C-alpha atoms as a PDB file:
ATOM      1  CA  UNK A   1      60.647  55.048  39.065  1.00  0.00           C
ATOM      2  CA  UNK A   2      61.626  57.230  41.858  1.00  0.00           C
ATOM      3  CA  UNK A   3      63.115  55.255  44.843  1.00  0.00           C
ATOM      4  CA  UNK A   4      60.567  56.738  47.070  1.00  0.00           C
ATOM      5  CA  UNK A   5      57.725  54.553  45.678  1.00  0.00           C
ATOM      6  CA  UNK A   6      59.829  51.321  45.876  1.00  0.00           C
ATOM      7  CA  UNK A   7      59.059  50.696  49.537  1.00  0.00           C
ATOM      8  CA  UNK A   8      55.343  50.986  48.956  1.00  0.00           C
ATOM      9  CA  UNK A   9      55.428  48.749  46.049  1.00  0.00           C
ATOM     10  CA  UNK A  10      57.381  45.974  48.152  1.00  0.00           C
ATOM     11  CA  UNK A  11      54.696  46.791  50.992  1.00  0.00           C
ATOM     12  CA  UNK A  12      51.896  46.299  48.731  1.00  0.00           C
ATOM     13  CA  UNK A  13      53.285  43.283  47.071  1.00  0.00           C
ATOM     14  CA  UNK A  14      53.883  41.635  50.531  1.00  0.00           C
ATOM     15  CA  UNK A  15      50.390  42.322  51.558  1.00  0.00           C
ATOM     16  CA  UNK A  16      48.795  40.885  48.475  1.00  0.00           C
ATOM     17  CA  UNK A  17      51.148  37.781  48.876  1.00  0.00           C
ATOM     18  CA  UNK A  18      50.398  37.195  52.454  1.00  0.00           C
ATOM     19  CA  UNK A  19      46.405  37.832  51.418  1.00  0.00           C
ATOM     20  CA  UNK A  20      46.807  34.920  48.878  1.00  0.00           C
ATOM     21  CA  UNK A  21      48.264  32.931  51.114  1.00  0.00           C
ATOM     22  CA  UNK A  22      45.946  33.009  53.927  1.00  0.00           C
ATOM     23  CA  UNK A  23      43.071  32.458  51.364  1.00  0.00           C
ATOM     24  CA  UNK A  24      44.784  29.292  50.295  1.00  0.00           C
ATOM     25  CA  UNK A  25      45.439  28.070  53.729  1.00  0.00           C
ATOM     26  CA  UNK A  26      41.991  29.043  54.936  1.00  0.00           C
ATOM     27  CA  UNK A  27      40.538  26.226  52.837  1.00  0.00           C
ATOM     28  CA  UNK A  28      39.985  23.080  54.644  1.00  0.00           C
ATOM     29  CA  UNK A  29      41.749  19.975  52.913  1.00  0.00           C
ATOM     30  CA  UNK A  30      37.761  18.959  52.075  1.00  0.00           C
ATOM     31  CA  UNK A  31      37.475  22.135  50.224  1.00  0.00           C
ATOM     32  CA  UNK A  32      40.515  22.102  48.080  1.00  0.00           C
ATOM     33  CA  UNK A  33      39.077  19.930  45.431  1.00  0.00           C
ATOM     34  CA  UNK A  34      36.140  22.228  44.859  1.00  0.00           C
ATOM     35  CA  UNK A  35      36.153  24.736  41.758  1.00  0.00           C
ATOM     36  CA  UNK A  36      36.577  24.361  38.083  1.00  0.00           C
ATOM     37  CA  UNK A  37      39.020  22.230  36.502  1.00  0.00           C
ATOM     38  CA  UNK A  38      40.542  21.715  33.233  1.00  0.00           C
ATOM     39  CA  UNK A  39      41.689  18.500  32.118  1.00  0.00           C
ATOM     40  CA  UNK A  40      45.398  18.298  31.008  1.00  0.00           C
ATOM     41  CA  UNK A  41      44.461  17.713  27.302  1.00  0.00           C
ATOM     42  CA  UNK A  42      42.411  21.266  27.579  1.00  0.00           C
ATOM     43  CA  UNK A  43      39.326  19.261  25.903  1.00  0.00           C
ATOM     44  CA  UNK A  44      36.952  19.025  29.150  1.00  0.00           C
ATOM     45  CA  UNK A  45      36.144  21.465  31.902  1.00  0.00           C
ATOM     46  CA  UNK A  46      34.281  20.069  34.936  1.00  0.00           C
ATOM     47  CA  UNK A  47      33.212  21.681  38.079  1.00  0.00           C
ATOM     48  CA  UNK A  48      33.513  20.089  41.632  1.00  0.00           C
ATOM     49  CA  UNK A  49      31.172  20.659  44.085  1.00  0.00           C
ATOM     50  CA  UNK A  50      29.762  19.323  47.457  1.00  0.00           C
ATOM     51  CA  UNK A  51      26.580  17.830  47.940  1.00  0.00           C
ATOM     52  CA  UNK A  52      26.082  16.870  51.532  1.00  0.00           C
ATOM     53  CA  UNK A  53      29.262  14.469  52.419  1.00  0.00           C
ATOM     54  CA  UNK A  54      29.679  13.594  48.839  1.00  0.00           C
ATOM     55  CA  UNK A  55      31.813  15.338  46.109  1.00  0.00           C
ATOM     56  CA  UNK A  56      30.598  15.282  42.541  1.00  0.00           C
ATOM     57  CA  UNK A  57      31.590  16.856  39.243  1.00  0.00           C
ATOM     58  CA  UNK A  58      29.544  17.951  36.081  1.00  0.00           C
ATOM     59  CA  UNK A  59      30.632  18.513  32.747  1.00  0.00           C
ATOM     60  CA  UNK A  60      30.492  22.537  32.092  1.00  0.00           C
ATOM     61  CA  UNK A  61      32.402  22.480  28.854  1.00  0.00           C
ATOM     62  CA  UNK A  62      33.852  20.070  26.430  1.00  0.00           C
ATOM     63  CA  UNK A  63      35.611  20.032  22.878  1.00  0.00           C
ATOM     64  CA  UNK A  64      35.151  17.332  20.350  1.00  0.00           C
ATOM     65  CA  UNK A  65      36.896  16.661  16.916  1.00  0.00           C
ATOM     66  CA  UNK A  66      33.053  16.043  15.591  1.00  0.00           C
ATOM     67  CA  UNK A  67      31.852  19.235  14.673  1.00  0.00           C
ATOM     68  CA  UNK A  68      28.576  17.760  13.423  1.00  0.00           C
ATOM     69  CA  UNK A  69      26.696  19.103  16.511  1.00  0.00           C
ATOM     70  CA  UNK A  70      26.985  21.957  18.970  1.00  0.00           C
ATOM     71  CA  UNK A  71      27.996  21.328  22.276  1.00  0.00           C
ATOM     72  CA  UNK A  72      24.519  21.643  23.916  1.00  0.00           C
ATOM     73  CA  UNK A  73      23.261  19.117  21.443  1.00  0.00           C
ATOM     74  CA  UNK A  74      25.323  16.039  22.271  1.00  0.00           C
ATOM     75  CA  UNK A  75      23.494  13.618  24.368  1.00  0.00           C
ATOM     76  CA  UNK A  76      24.549  10.324  26.458  1.00  0.00           C
ATOM     77  CA  UNK A  77      23.407   8.185  23.500  1.00  0.00           C
ATOM     78  CA  UNK A  78      25.616   5.492  24.870  1.00  0.00           C
ATOM     79  CA  UNK A  79      23.769   5.039  28.445  1.00  0.00           C
ATOM     80  CA  UNK A  80      22.501   1.373  28.996  1.00  0.00           C
ATOM     81  CA  UNK A  81      19.208   2.767  30.187  1.00  0.00           C
ATOM     82  CA  UNK A  82      17.283   3.877  27.029  1.00  0.00           C
ATOM     83  CA  UNK A  83      15.271   6.619  29.032  1.00  0.00           C
ATOM     84  CA  UNK A  84      18.613   8.190  29.879  1.00  0.00           C
ATOM     85  CA  UNK A  85      19.919   8.406  26.228  1.00  0.00           C
ATOM     86  CA  UNK A  86      18.538  11.825  25.540  1.00  0.00           C
ATOM     87  CA  UNK A  87      20.108  13.751  28.539  1.00  0.00           C
ATOM     88  CA  UNK A  88      22.481  16.311  27.580  1.00  0.00           C
ATOM     89  CA  UNK A  89      26.124  15.658  27.961  1.00  0.00           C
ATOM     90  CA  UNK A  90      26.691  19.395  28.964  1.00  0.00           C
ATOM     91  CA  UNK A  91      25.758  19.898  32.888  1.00  0.00           C
ATOM     92  CA  UNK A  92      25.680  15.838  33.128  1.00  0.00           C
ATOM     93  CA  UNK A  93      27.283  14.722  36.650  1.00  0.00           C
ATOM     94  CA  UNK A  94      30.273  12.520  35.679  1.00  0.00           C
ATOM     95  CA  UNK A  95      31.509  11.964  39.045  1.00  0.00           C
ATOM     96  CA  UNK A  96      29.456  11.155  42.352  1.00  0.00           C
ATOM     97  CA  UNK A  97      29.615   9.880  45.806  1.00  0.00           C
ATOM     98  CA  UNK A  98      33.405  10.596  46.415  1.00  0.00           C
ATOM     99  CA  UNK A  99      34.035  10.811  50.244  1.00  0.00           C
ATOM    100  CA  UNK A 100      36.898  12.590  51.703  1.00  0.00           C
ATOM    101  CA  UNK A 101      39.412  10.245  53.503  1.00  0.00           C
ATOM    102  CA  UNK A 102      41.549  12.375  56.366  1.00  0.00           C
ATOM    103  CA  UNK A 103      43.837   9.634  56.706  1.00  0.00           C
ATOM    104  CA  UNK A 104      44.766   9.526  53.042  1.00  0.00           C
ATOM    105  CA  UNK A 105      44.183  13.195  52.073  1.00  0.00           C
ATOM    106  CA  UNK A 106      42.166  11.814  49.083  1.00  0.00           C
ATOM    107  CA  UNK A 107      38.674  11.384  48.112  1.00  0.00           C
ATOM    108  CA  UNK A 108      37.600   7.687  47.737  1.00  0.00           C
ATOM    109  CA  UNK A 109      34.429   5.340  47.211  1.00  0.00           C
ATOM    110  CA  UNK A 110      33.149   7.302  44.225  1.00  0.00           C
ATOM    111  CA  UNK A 111      32.005   6.384  40.857  1.00  0.00           C
ATOM    112  CA  UNK A 112      33.035   8.202  37.309  1.00  0.00           C
ATOM    113  CA  UNK A 113      30.977   7.772  34.312  1.00  0.00           C
ATOM    114  CA  UNK A 114      32.308   7.543  30.703  1.00  0.00           C
ATOM    115  CA  UNK A 115      29.834   8.794  28.544  1.00  0.00           C
ATOM    116  CA  UNK A 116      31.884   7.474  25.535  1.00  0.00           C
ATOM    117  CA  UNK A 117      30.835   4.045  26.443  1.00  0.00           C
ATOM    118  CA  UNK A 118      27.816   4.277  28.905  1.00  0.00           C
ATOM    119  CA  UNK A 119      29.866   2.637  31.950  1.00  0.00           C
ATOM    120  CA  UNK A 120      30.384   3.589  35.409  1.00  0.00           C
ATOM    121  CA  UNK A 121      33.741   3.077  37.120  1.00  0.00           C
ATOM    122  CA  UNK A 122      34.898   3.199  40.665  1.00  0.00           C
ATOM    123  CA  UNK A 123      36.788   6.383  41.300  1.00  0.00           C
ATOM    124  CA  UNK A 124      39.125   7.966  43.603  1.00  0.00           C
ATOM    125  CA  UNK A 125      40.789  11.338  43.629  1.00  0.00           C
ATOM    126  CA  UNK A 126      43.667  13.247  45.065  1.00  0.00           C
ATOM    127  CA  UNK A 127      45.925  16.698  44.964  1.00  0.00           C
ATOM    128  CA  UNK A 128      49.219  16.545  44.167  1.00  0.00           C
ATOM    129  CA  UNK A 129      51.775  18.854  45.914  1.00  0.00           C
ATOM    130  CA  UNK A 130      51.582  21.149  42.516  1.00  0.00           C
ATOM    131  CA  UNK A 131      47.984  21.516  43.073  1.00  0.00           C
ATOM    132  CA  UNK A 132      47.070  19.290  40.356  1.00  0.00           C
ATOM    133  CA  UNK A 133      43.680  17.085  40.634  1.00  0.00           C
ATOM    134  CA  UNK A 134      44.296  13.301  39.553  1.00  0.00           C
ATOM    135  CA  UNK A 135      41.220  11.378  38.944  1.00  0.00           C
ATOM    136  CA  UNK A 136      41.262   7.576  38.742  1.00  0.00           C
ATOM    137  CA  UNK A 137      38.767   5.548  37.122  1.00  0.00           C
ATOM    138  CA  UNK A 138      39.178   1.825  37.760  1.00  0.00           C
ATOM    139  CA  UNK A 139      37.443  -1.542  37.998  1.00  0.00           C
ATOM    140  CA  UNK A 140      38.001  -3.068  41.670  1.00  0.00           C
ATOM    141  CA  UNK A 141      41.806  -2.011  41.628  1.00  0.00           C
ATOM    142  CA  UNK A 142      43.296   1.289  41.286  1.00  0.00           C
ATOM    143  CA  UNK A 143      46.627  -0.109  39.557  1.00  0.00           C
ATOM    144  CA  UNK A 144      44.676  -1.096  36.450  1.00  0.00           C
ATOM    145  CA  UNK A 145      42.552   2.154  36.120  1.00  0.00           C
ATOM    146  CA  UNK A 146      43.083   5.294  34.219  1.00  0.00           C
ATOM    147  CA  UNK A 147      43.941   8.487  35.581  1.00  0.00           C
ATOM    148  CA  UNK A 148      43.241  11.798  34.411  1.00  0.00           C
ATOM    149  CA  UNK A 149      45.033  14.980  35.257  1.00  0.00           C
ATOM    150  CA  UNK A 150      43.180  18.254  35.881  1.00  0.00           C
ATOM    151  CA  UNK A 151      44.316  21.921  36.753  1.00  0.00           C
ATOM    152  CA  UNK A 152      42.188  24.230  38.721  1.00  0.00           C
ATOM    153  CA  UNK A 153      40.935  27.312  36.714  1.00  0.00           C
ATOM    154  CA  UNK A 154      38.839  28.902  39.532  1.00  0.00           C
END
């Protein structure tokens, strides 16, 4: 590559880097949770969105070892409410009522739904310094809960 193009390439890289950094900084802390997140085990993709002051997450893709049905045929068969047992897993809200707490830089007071057993658990979430989303489902005390780790995909 001729040397005269090298300064132009550096300049373009600098512009792109500054633009990406500005975009990341332009997100308010409350908006950083929004988007699509893949669980660490790579078998669940959720979309986190805002509904008023609450944050919710819905299932947009999942993978199961049971190949007897297509993804869009799985239903909420373990729901304690018989009227809800025919609702589809795909597109179902599994997190609701999370509220951003600026003091702790976390989302608190939510509920997470576990379709494997039809139960709601208390929920909280926070972002790590590495940009990972940690969602904890618990019963009264966080230290006895279960935490899932997600990586942002868009």
